[in-house]
Amino acid sequence: MLLRLAPTPSGFLHEGNRRNFAITAELARELGAPLALRIDDADAARYRREYVEDVFATLRAMEIEWQIGPHDVAEFEAHWSQRHRTDHYRSELIAARAHGLRTYACTCSRRTQIGPAIGGCSAGCRDRAIEWKPGENTLRVQVPRGSMIEVGDALVPLDEAMGDFVLWRRDDLPSYQLVSVVEDRDLRTTHIVRGLDLLTSSAAQIYLAPFVDADNVVRATYVHHDLVTDGEGQKLSKSTMAGPGSVKDGDDR
């Protein structure tokens, strides 16, 4: 058995992240399972060293111990950063396509895409046979219509909830969905604790997992906990928080 903490260093942590850390660490203690720290920094454009420093400071303040992963920023940047593994993710994507994963190139931006009902983009790229050019367009998974994915006790209509999600981004970087599956496979993760807002991400990753030989991701025990919200009932967000110690929520991450 193995559980992991997987914060994304795209902002300072918040109360929702701390709740996720606490629930994950407590479950690891109950199971007698090791705990890994996996910092999801594959999105190089959003990376800031101070955000990673905040991760370590928060974990130490909460007195959470982990057995696998870096123990300070220097060790993380030297040996554990996902930014060094882009070629690894690219190889996994190539292998997934060779194993039958259906994909297509998409020229639509986030601003122009209008939802999963037409394949997740506004220009019908699924049927346009566009050549995939890393660094120029995105690569999407072709999610079969009517796809229903079991995530614990939930049944998620993946095509309706997420549509043809992105595997490789326009800026020539892997998507979170691809990175997360590959990393959980490589860690041999058995229990995944996330906020309820990431239920559809869990479904997407379960769908993707067989194409990268990540059977453990399909079989994993999933726990999706309630979110921390502000005084108006809105989910807390890193993008709205000003600095260390601010109260925010979201990543399972």
C-alpha atoms as a PDB file:
ATOM      1  CA  MET A   1       0.000   0.000   0.000  1.00  0.00           C
ATOM      2  CA  LEU A   2       1.064   3.574  -0.604  1.00  0.00           C
ATOM      3  CA  LEU A   3      -0.559   7.001  -0.360  1.00  0.00           C
ATOM      4  CA  ARG A   4       0.731  10.281  -1.693  1.00  0.00           C
ATOM      5  CA  LEU A   5       0.496  13.992  -1.107  1.00  0.00           C
ATOM      6  CA  ALA A   6       0.502  15.756  -4.477  1.00  0.00           C
ATOM      7  CA  PRO A   7       0.445  19.549  -4.137  1.00  0.00           C
ATOM      8  CA  THR A   8       0.819  21.735  -7.199  1.00  0.00           C
ATOM      9  CA  PRO A   9       3.235  24.675  -6.666  1.00  0.00           C
ATOM     10  CA  SER A  10       1.087  27.178  -8.552  1.00  0.00           C
ATOM     11  CA  GLY A  11       0.338  29.289  -5.489  1.00  0.00           C
ATOM     12  CA  PHE A  12       0.612  29.312  -1.720  1.00  0.00           C
ATOM     13  CA  LEU A  13      -1.240  26.525   0.064  1.00  0.00           C
ATOM     14  CA  HIS A  14      -4.593  27.106   1.711  1.00  0.00           C
ATOM     15  CA  GLU A  15      -6.967  25.507   4.175  1.00  0.00           C
ATOM     16  CA  GLY A  16      -8.281  23.073   1.581  1.00  0.00           C
ATOM     17  CA  ASN A  17      -4.777  21.783   0.858  1.00  0.00           C
ATOM     18  CA  ARG A  18      -4.156  21.409   4.571  1.00  0.00           C
ATOM     19  CA  ARG A  19      -7.378  19.450   4.974  1.00  0.00           C
ATOM     20  CA  ASN A  20      -6.300  17.142   2.151  1.00  0.00           C
ATOM     21  CA  PHE A  21      -2.867  16.678   3.756  1.00  0.00           C
ATOM     22  CA  ALA A  22      -4.461  15.850   7.117  1.00  0.00           C
ATOM     23  CA  ILE A  23      -6.960  13.337   5.684  1.00  0.00           C
ATOM     24  CA  THR A  24      -4.274  11.627   3.584  1.00  0.00           C
ATOM     25  CA  ALA A  25      -1.773  11.422   6.448  1.00  0.00           C
ATOM     26  CA  GLU A  26      -4.400  10.088   8.846  1.00  0.00           C
ATOM     27  CA  LEU A  27      -5.478   7.392   6.381  1.00  0.00           C
ATOM     28  CA  ALA A  28      -1.835   6.375   5.883  1.00  0.00           C
ATOM     29  CA  ARG A  29      -1.465   6.033   9.658  1.00  0.00           C
ATOM     30  CA  GLU A  30      -4.650   3.978   9.938  1.00  0.00           C
ATOM     31  CA  LEU A  31      -3.493   1.628   7.174  1.00  0.00           C
ATOM     32  CA  GLY A  32       0.114   1.496   8.335  1.00  0.00           C
ATOM     33  CA  ALA A  33       1.072   2.509   4.794  1.00  0.00           C
ATOM     34  CA  PRO A  34       4.025   4.638   3.652  1.00  0.00           C
ATOM     35  CA  LEU A  35       3.352   8.197   2.526  1.00  0.00           C
ATOM     36  CA  ALA A  36       5.012   9.807  -0.496  1.00  0.00           C
ATOM     37  CA  LEU A  37       5.407  13.486  -1.317  1.00  0.00           C
ATOM     38  CA  ARG A  38       4.896  14.162  -5.025  1.00  0.00           C
ATOM     39  CA  ILE A  39       5.083  17.813  -6.006  1.00  0.00           C
ATOM     40  CA  ASP A  40       3.302  18.348  -9.327  1.00  0.00           C
ATOM     41  CA  ASP A  41       5.440  21.023 -10.977  1.00  0.00           C
ATOM     42  CA  ALA A  42       5.238  19.820 -14.590  1.00  0.00           C
ATOM     43  CA  ASP A  43       3.585  23.153 -15.449  1.00  0.00           C
ATOM     44  CA  ALA A  44       6.880  25.034 -15.607  1.00  0.00           C
ATOM     45  CA  ALA A  45       5.300  28.407 -16.375  1.00  0.00           C
ATOM     46  CA  ARG A  46       3.502  28.505 -13.010  1.00  0.00           C
ATOM     47  CA  TYR A  47       6.380  27.220 -10.893  1.00  0.00           C
ATOM     48  CA  ARG A  48       7.785  29.422  -8.141  1.00  0.00           C
ATOM     49  CA  ARG A  49      10.406  28.322  -5.640  1.00  0.00           C
ATOM     50  CA  GLU A  50       8.581  30.060  -2.795  1.00  0.00           C
ATOM     51  CA  TYR A  51       5.527  27.895  -3.444  1.00  0.00           C
ATOM     52  CA  VAL A  52       7.588  24.740  -2.922  1.00  0.00           C
ATOM     53  CA  GLU A  53       9.122  26.227   0.220  1.00  0.00           C
ATOM     54  CA  ASP A  54       5.566  26.766   1.443  1.00  0.00           C
ATOM     55  CA  VAL A  55       4.768  23.071   0.891  1.00  0.00           C
ATOM     56  CA  PHE A  56       7.627  21.941   3.122  1.00  0.00           C
ATOM     57  CA  ALA A  57       6.879  24.599   5.745  1.00  0.00           C
ATOM     58  CA  THR A  58       3.210  23.597   5.864  1.00  0.00           C
ATOM     59  CA  LEU A  59       3.943  19.885   6.207  1.00  0.00           C
ATOM     60  CA  ARG A  60       6.426  20.500   9.000  1.00  0.00           C
ATOM     61  CA  ALA A  61       4.014  22.819  10.811  1.00  0.00           C
ATOM     62  CA  MET A  62       1.383  20.070  10.600  1.00  0.00           C
ATOM     63  CA  GLU A  63       3.965  17.514  11.844  1.00  0.00           C
ATOM     64  CA  ILE A  64       3.304  15.270   8.856  1.00  0.00           C
ATOM     65  CA  GLU A  65       6.092  12.835   8.025  1.00  0.00           C
ATOM     66  CA  TRP A  66       6.598  11.131   4.677  1.00  0.00           C
ATOM     67  CA  GLN A  67       8.867   8.270   3.706  1.00  0.00           C
ATOM     68  CA  ILE A  68       9.254   8.788  -0.047  1.00  0.00           C
ATOM     69  CA  GLY A  69      10.144  11.995  -1.852  1.00  0.00           C
ATOM     70  CA  PRO A  70      12.253  15.118  -1.289  1.00  0.00           C
ATOM     71  CA  HIS A  71      12.728  16.718   2.122  1.00  0.00           C
ATOM     72  CA  ASP A  72      13.707  20.221   1.090  1.00  0.00           C
ATOM     73  CA  VAL A  73      13.572  22.497  -1.923  1.00  0.00           C
ATOM     74  CA  ALA A  74      17.138  21.831  -3.039  1.00  0.00           C
ATOM     75  CA  GLU A  75      16.616  18.062  -3.048  1.00  0.00           C
ATOM     76  CA  PHE A  76      13.323  18.487  -4.877  1.00  0.00           C
ATOM     77  CA  GLU A  77      14.749  20.678  -7.636  1.00  0.00           C
ATOM     78  CA  ALA A  78      17.814  18.471  -8.076  1.00  0.00           C
ATOM     79  CA  HIS A  79      16.212  15.030  -8.082  1.00  0.00           C
ATOM     80  CA  TRP A  80      12.404  15.056  -7.943  1.00  0.00           C
ATOM     81  CA  SER A  81      11.129  17.853 -10.179  1.00  0.00           C
ATOM     82  CA  GLN A  82       8.709  16.743 -12.898  1.00  0.00           C
ATOM     83  CA  ARG A  83      10.132  19.486 -15.104  1.00  0.00           C
ATOM     84  CA  HIS A  84      13.076  17.128 -15.698  1.00  0.00           C
ATOM     85  CA  ARG A  85      10.757  14.350 -16.871  1.00  0.00           C
ATOM     86  CA  THR A  86       9.066  15.887 -19.899  1.00  0.00           C
ATOM     87  CA  ASP A  87      10.740  13.426 -22.257  1.00  0.00           C
ATOM     88  CA  HIS A  88       9.551  10.562 -20.044  1.00  0.00           C
ATOM     89  CA  TYR A  89       5.943  11.739 -20.292  1.00  0.00           C
ATOM     90  CA  ARG A  90       6.338  12.210 -24.042  1.00  0.00           C
ATOM     91  CA  SER A  91       7.518   8.599 -24.371  1.00  0.00           C
ATOM     92  CA  GLU A  92       4.556   7.398 -22.320  1.00  0.00           C
ATOM     93  CA  LEU A  93       2.181   9.319 -24.579  1.00  0.00           C
ATOM     94  CA  ILE A  94       3.727   7.782 -27.692  1.00  0.00           C
ATOM     95  CA  ALA A  95       3.407   4.326 -26.129  1.00  0.00           C
ATOM     96  CA  ALA A  96      -0.226   4.966 -25.157  1.00  0.00           C
ATOM     97  CA  ARG A  97      -1.116   5.906 -28.717  1.00  0.00           C
ATOM     98  CA  ALA A  98       0.664   2.780 -29.964  1.00  0.00           C
ATOM     99  CA  HIS A  99      -1.452   0.754 -27.492  1.00  0.00           C
ATOM    100  CA  GLY A 100      -4.663   2.022 -29.044  1.00  0.00           C
ATOM    101  CA  LEU A 101      -5.407   5.311 -27.296  1.00  0.00           C
ATOM    102  CA  ARG A 102      -7.357   7.393 -29.809  1.00  0.00           C
ATOM    103  CA  THR A 103      -6.282  11.023 -29.941  1.00  0.00           C
ATOM    104  CA  TYR A 104      -6.535  14.036 -32.237  1.00  0.00           C
ATOM    105  CA  ALA A 105      -4.895  17.428 -32.584  1.00  0.00           C
ATOM    106  CA  CYS A 106      -6.910  20.477 -31.623  1.00  0.00           C
ATOM    107  CA  THR A 107      -6.346  24.102 -32.568  1.00  0.00           C
ATOM    108  CA  CYS A 108      -8.844  25.543 -30.090  1.00  0.00           C
ATOM    109  CA  SER A 109      -7.717  27.580 -27.104  1.00  0.00           C
ATOM    110  CA  ARG A 110      -9.282  27.457 -23.641  1.00  0.00           C
ATOM    111  CA  ARG A 111     -11.078  30.683 -24.429  1.00  0.00           C
ATOM    112  CA  THR A 112     -12.716  29.340 -27.587  1.00  0.00           C
ATOM    113  CA  GLN A 113     -13.623  25.811 -26.519  1.00  0.00           C
ATOM    114  CA  ILE A 114     -17.252  25.530 -25.502  1.00  0.00           C
ATOM    115  CA  GLY A 115     -17.617  22.252 -23.713  1.00  0.00           C
ATOM    116  CA  PRO A 116     -17.563  18.462 -23.927  1.00  0.00           C
ATOM    117  CA  ALA A 117     -20.759  18.021 -25.905  1.00  0.00           C
ATOM    118  CA  ILE A 118     -18.929  18.551 -29.225  1.00  0.00           C
ATOM    119  CA  GLY A 119     -15.652  16.957 -28.222  1.00  0.00           C
ATOM    120  CA  GLY A 120     -14.350  19.690 -25.976  1.00  0.00           C
ATOM    121  CA  CYS A 121     -13.522  22.244 -28.677  1.00  0.00           C
ATOM    122  CA  SER A 122     -15.419  24.789 -30.736  1.00  0.00           C
ATOM    123  CA  ALA A 123     -14.135  23.906 -34.195  1.00  0.00           C
ATOM    124  CA  GLY A 124     -14.981  20.199 -34.439  1.00  0.00           C
ATOM    125  CA  CYS A 125     -11.306  19.250 -34.407  1.00  0.00           C
ATOM    126  CA  ARG A 126     -12.137  15.616 -33.710  1.00  0.00           C
ATOM    127  CA  ASP A 127     -13.195  15.230 -37.352  1.00  0.00           C
ATOM    128  CA  ARG A 128     -10.690  17.549 -39.033  1.00  0.00           C
ATOM    129  CA  ALA A 129      -7.640  15.235 -39.202  1.00  0.00           C
ATOM    130  CA  ILE A 130      -5.259  18.005 -38.129  1.00  0.00           C
ATOM    131  CA  GLU A 131      -1.588  17.111 -37.871  1.00  0.00           C
ATOM    132  CA  TRP A 132      -0.367  17.223 -34.286  1.00  0.00           C
ATOM    133  CA  LYS A 133       2.471  19.730 -34.003  1.00  0.00           C
ATOM    134  CA  PRO A 134       3.858  19.939 -30.457  1.00  0.00           C
ATOM    135  CA  GLY A 135       4.282  23.573 -29.512  1.00  0.00           C
ATOM    136  CA  GLU A 136       1.614  24.674 -32.004  1.00  0.00           C
ATOM    137  CA  ASN A 137      -1.564  22.778 -31.083  1.00  0.00           C
ATOM    138  CA  THR A 138      -2.876  20.511 -28.371  1.00  0.00           C
ATOM    139  CA  LEU A 139      -3.453  16.757 -28.396  1.00  0.00           C
ATOM    140  CA  ARG A 140      -6.749  15.491 -26.999  1.00  0.00           C
ATOM    141  CA  VAL A 141      -8.044  12.061 -26.013  1.00  0.00           C
ATOM    142  CA  GLN A 142     -11.036  10.959 -28.052  1.00  0.00           C
ATOM    143  CA  VAL A 143     -13.404   9.903 -25.282  1.00  0.00           C
ATOM    144  CA  PRO A 144     -16.047   7.490 -26.632  1.00  0.00           C
ATOM    145  CA  ARG A 145     -19.597   8.717 -26.379  1.00  0.00           C
ATOM    146  CA  GLY A 146     -21.477   7.191 -23.466  1.00  0.00           C
ATOM    147  CA  SER A 147     -18.302   6.470 -21.476  1.00  0.00           C
ATOM    148  CA  MET A 148     -19.239   5.699 -17.871  1.00  0.00           C
ATOM    149  CA  ILE A 149     -16.303   5.414 -15.464  1.00  0.00           C
ATOM    150  CA  GLU A 150     -16.544   3.878 -11.996  1.00  0.00           C
ATOM    151  CA  VAL A 151     -14.703   5.905  -9.350  1.00  0.00           C
ATOM    152  CA  GLY A 152     -15.292   4.209  -6.033  1.00  0.00           C
ATOM    153  CA  ASP A 153     -19.042   4.353  -5.449  1.00  0.00           C
ATOM    154  CA  ALA A 154     -19.571   7.018  -8.112  1.00  0.00           C
ATOM    155  CA  LEU A 155     -20.328   6.530 -11.792  1.00  0.00           C
ATOM    156  CA  VAL A 156     -18.995   9.402 -13.903  1.00  0.00           C
ATOM    157  CA  PRO A 157     -20.224  10.081 -17.482  1.00  0.00           C
ATOM    158  CA  LEU A 158     -16.765  11.064 -18.685  1.00  0.00           C
ATOM    159  CA  ASP A 159     -17.746  12.323 -22.133  1.00  0.00           C
ATOM    160  CA  GLU A 160     -20.386  14.636 -20.638  1.00  0.00           C
ATOM    161  CA  ALA A 161     -18.416  15.706 -17.566  1.00  0.00           C
ATOM    162  CA  MET A 162     -15.051  16.379 -19.194  1.00  0.00           C
ATOM    163  CA  GLY A 163     -15.212  15.657 -22.897  1.00  0.00           C
ATOM    164  CA  ASP A 164     -12.089  15.035 -24.952  1.00  0.00           C
ATOM    165  CA  PHE A 165      -9.555  16.133 -22.356  1.00  0.00           C
ATOM    166  CA  VAL A 166      -6.072  17.400 -23.212  1.00  0.00           C
ATOM    167  CA  LEU A 167      -3.069  15.069 -23.021  1.00  0.00           C
ATOM    168  CA  TRP A 168      -0.374  17.351 -24.439  1.00  0.00           C
ATOM    169  CA  ARG A 169      -0.619  21.109 -24.193  1.00  0.00           C
ATOM    170  CA  ARG A 170      -0.091  23.784 -26.791  1.00  0.00           C
ATOM    171  CA  ASP A 171       3.075  24.944 -24.979  1.00  0.00           C
ATOM    172  CA  ASP A 172       4.641  21.489 -25.577  1.00  0.00           C
ATOM    173  CA  LEU A 173       4.153  20.264 -22.010  1.00  0.00           C
ATOM    174  CA  PRO A 174       2.223  17.238 -20.711  1.00  0.00           C
ATOM    175  CA  SER A 175      -1.200  17.755 -19.190  1.00  0.00           C
ATOM    176  CA  TYR A 176      -1.937  17.166 -15.525  1.00  0.00           C
ATOM    177  CA  GLN A 177      -4.008  14.086 -16.377  1.00  0.00           C
ATOM    178  CA  LEU A 178      -1.134  12.353 -18.163  1.00  0.00           C
ATOM    179  CA  VAL A 179       1.458  13.327 -15.563  1.00  0.00           C
ATOM    180  CA  SER A 180      -0.692  12.184 -12.659  1.00  0.00           C
ATOM    181  CA  VAL A 181      -1.355   8.745 -14.135  1.00  0.00           C
ATOM    182  CA  VAL A 182       2.300   8.141 -14.981  1.00  0.00           C
ATOM    183  CA  GLU A 183       3.509   9.347 -11.582  1.00  0.00           C
ATOM    184  CA  ASP A 184       0.940   7.274  -9.664  1.00  0.00           C
ATOM    185  CA  ARG A 185       1.920   4.257 -11.744  1.00  0.00           C
ATOM    186  CA  ASP A 186       5.609   4.785 -11.079  1.00  0.00           C
ATOM    187  CA  LEU A 187       4.990   5.312  -7.337  1.00  0.00           C
ATOM    188  CA  ARG A 188       2.654   2.287  -7.250  1.00  0.00           C
ATOM    189  CA  THR A 189       0.036   4.358  -5.485  1.00  0.00           C
ATOM    190  CA  THR A 190      -2.837   2.335  -4.013  1.00  0.00           C
ATOM    191  CA  HIS A 191      -4.953   5.034  -2.302  1.00  0.00           C
ATOM    192  CA  ILE A 192      -5.755   8.445  -3.796  1.00  0.00           C
ATOM    193  CA  VAL A 193      -7.273  11.192  -1.643  1.00  0.00           C
ATOM    194  CA  ARG A 194      -8.654  14.250  -3.438  1.00  0.00           C
ATOM    195  CA  GLY A 195     -11.158  17.057  -3.149  1.00  0.00           C
ATOM    196  CA  LEU A 196     -14.608  16.305  -4.513  1.00  0.00           C
ATOM    197  CA  ASP A 197     -13.991  18.788  -7.336  1.00  0.00           C
ATOM    198  CA  LEU A 198     -11.445  16.363  -8.793  1.00  0.00           C
ATOM    199  CA  LEU A 199     -13.861  13.446  -9.187  1.00  0.00           C
ATOM    200  CA  THR A 200     -13.918  13.986 -12.964  1.00  0.00           C
ATOM    201  CA  SER A 201     -10.103  14.070 -13.040  1.00  0.00           C
ATOM    202  CA  SER A 202     -10.077  10.709 -11.269  1.00  0.00           C
ATOM    203  CA  ALA A 203     -12.442   9.365 -13.928  1.00  0.00           C
ATOM    204  CA  ALA A 204     -10.234  10.724 -16.730  1.00  0.00           C
ATOM    205  CA  GLN A 205      -7.161   9.125 -15.208  1.00  0.00           C
ATOM    206  CA  ILE A 206      -8.867   5.776 -14.710  1.00  0.00           C
ATOM    207  CA  TYR A 207      -9.836   5.880 -18.390  1.00  0.00           C
ATOM    208  CA  LEU A 208      -6.285   6.722 -19.435  1.00  0.00           C
ATOM    209  CA  ALA A 209      -4.526   4.280 -17.078  1.00  0.00           C
ATOM    210  CA  PRO A 210      -4.807   1.024 -19.086  1.00  0.00           C
ATOM    211  CA  PHE A 211      -3.063   2.633 -22.056  1.00  0.00           C
ATOM    212  CA  VAL A 212       0.059   3.306 -19.951  1.00  0.00           C
ATOM    213  CA  ASP A 213      -0.034   0.004 -18.032  1.00  0.00           C
ATOM    214  CA  ALA A 214      -1.177   1.747 -14.844  1.00  0.00           C
ATOM    215  CA  ASP A 215      -3.476  -0.979 -13.548  1.00  0.00           C
ATOM    216  CA  ASN A 216      -2.888   0.202  -9.990  1.00  0.00           C
ATOM    217  CA  VAL A 217      -4.591   3.515 -10.886  1.00  0.00           C
ATOM    218  CA  VAL A 218      -7.680   1.610 -12.033  1.00  0.00           C
ATOM    219  CA  ARG A 219      -7.715  -0.548  -8.898  1.00  0.00           C
ATOM    220  CA  ALA A 220      -6.830   2.221  -6.439  1.00  0.00           C
ATOM    221  CA  THR A 221      -9.059   3.172  -3.527  1.00  0.00           C
ATOM    222  CA  TYR A 222     -10.383   6.689  -4.160  1.00  0.00           C
ATOM    223  CA  VAL A 223     -11.446   9.067  -1.398  1.00  0.00           C
ATOM    224  CA  HIS A 224     -13.008  12.375  -2.473  1.00  0.00           C
ATOM    225  CA  HIS A 225     -13.574  14.710   0.447  1.00  0.00           C
ATOM    226  CA  ASP A 226     -15.711  17.832   0.749  1.00  0.00           C
ATOM    227  CA  LEU A 227     -14.136  21.172  -0.126  1.00  0.00           C
ATOM    228  CA  VAL A 228     -13.323  24.114   2.096  1.00  0.00           C
ATOM    229  CA  THR A 229     -15.313  27.162   1.026  1.00  0.00           C
ATOM    230  CA  ASP A 230     -15.325  30.875   1.781  1.00  0.00           C
ATOM    231  CA  GLY A 231     -18.048  32.820   3.567  1.00  0.00           C
ATOM    232  CA  GLU A 232     -20.146  32.884   0.400  1.00  0.00           C
ATOM    233  CA  GLY A 233     -19.894  29.146  -0.176  1.00  0.00           C
ATOM    234  CA  GLN A 234     -17.386  29.413  -3.022  1.00  0.00           C
ATOM    235  CA  LYS A 235     -14.497  26.965  -3.347  1.00  0.00           C
ATOM    236  CA  LEU A 236     -11.242  28.530  -2.225  1.00  0.00           C
ATOM    237  CA  SER A 237      -8.632  29.103  -4.952  1.00  0.00           C
ATOM    238  CA  LYS A 238      -4.902  29.659  -4.963  1.00  0.00           C
ATOM    239  CA  SER A 239      -5.323  32.391  -7.529  1.00  0.00           C
ATOM    240  CA  THR A 240      -7.276  34.497  -5.053  1.00  0.00           C
ATOM    241  CA  MET A 241      -4.824  34.165  -2.182  1.00  0.00           C
ATOM    242  CA  ALA A 242      -2.118  36.668  -1.388  1.00  0.00           C
ATOM    243  CA  GLY A 243       0.629  34.743   0.325  1.00  0.00           C
ATOM    244  CA  PRO A 244       1.805  32.089   2.818  1.00  0.00           C
ATOM    245  CA  GLY A 245      -0.694  31.210   5.494  1.00  0.00           C
ATOM    246  CA  SER A 246      -3.675  32.462   3.493  1.00  0.00           C
ATOM    247  CA  VAL A 247      -6.777  30.274   3.477  1.00  0.00           C
ATOM    248  CA  LYS A 248      -7.455  28.662   0.070  1.00  0.00           C
ATOM    249  CA  ASP A 249      -8.579  25.117  -1.484  1.00  0.00           C
ATOM    250  CA  GLY A 250      -8.573  22.725  -4.420  1.00  0.00           C
ATOM    251  CA  ASP A 251      -5.629  20.552  -5.418  1.00  0.00           C
ATOM    252  CA  ASP A 252      -5.458  16.963  -4.399  1.00  0.00           C
ATOM    253  CA  ARG A 253      -2.993  17.725  -5.045  1.00  0.00           C
END
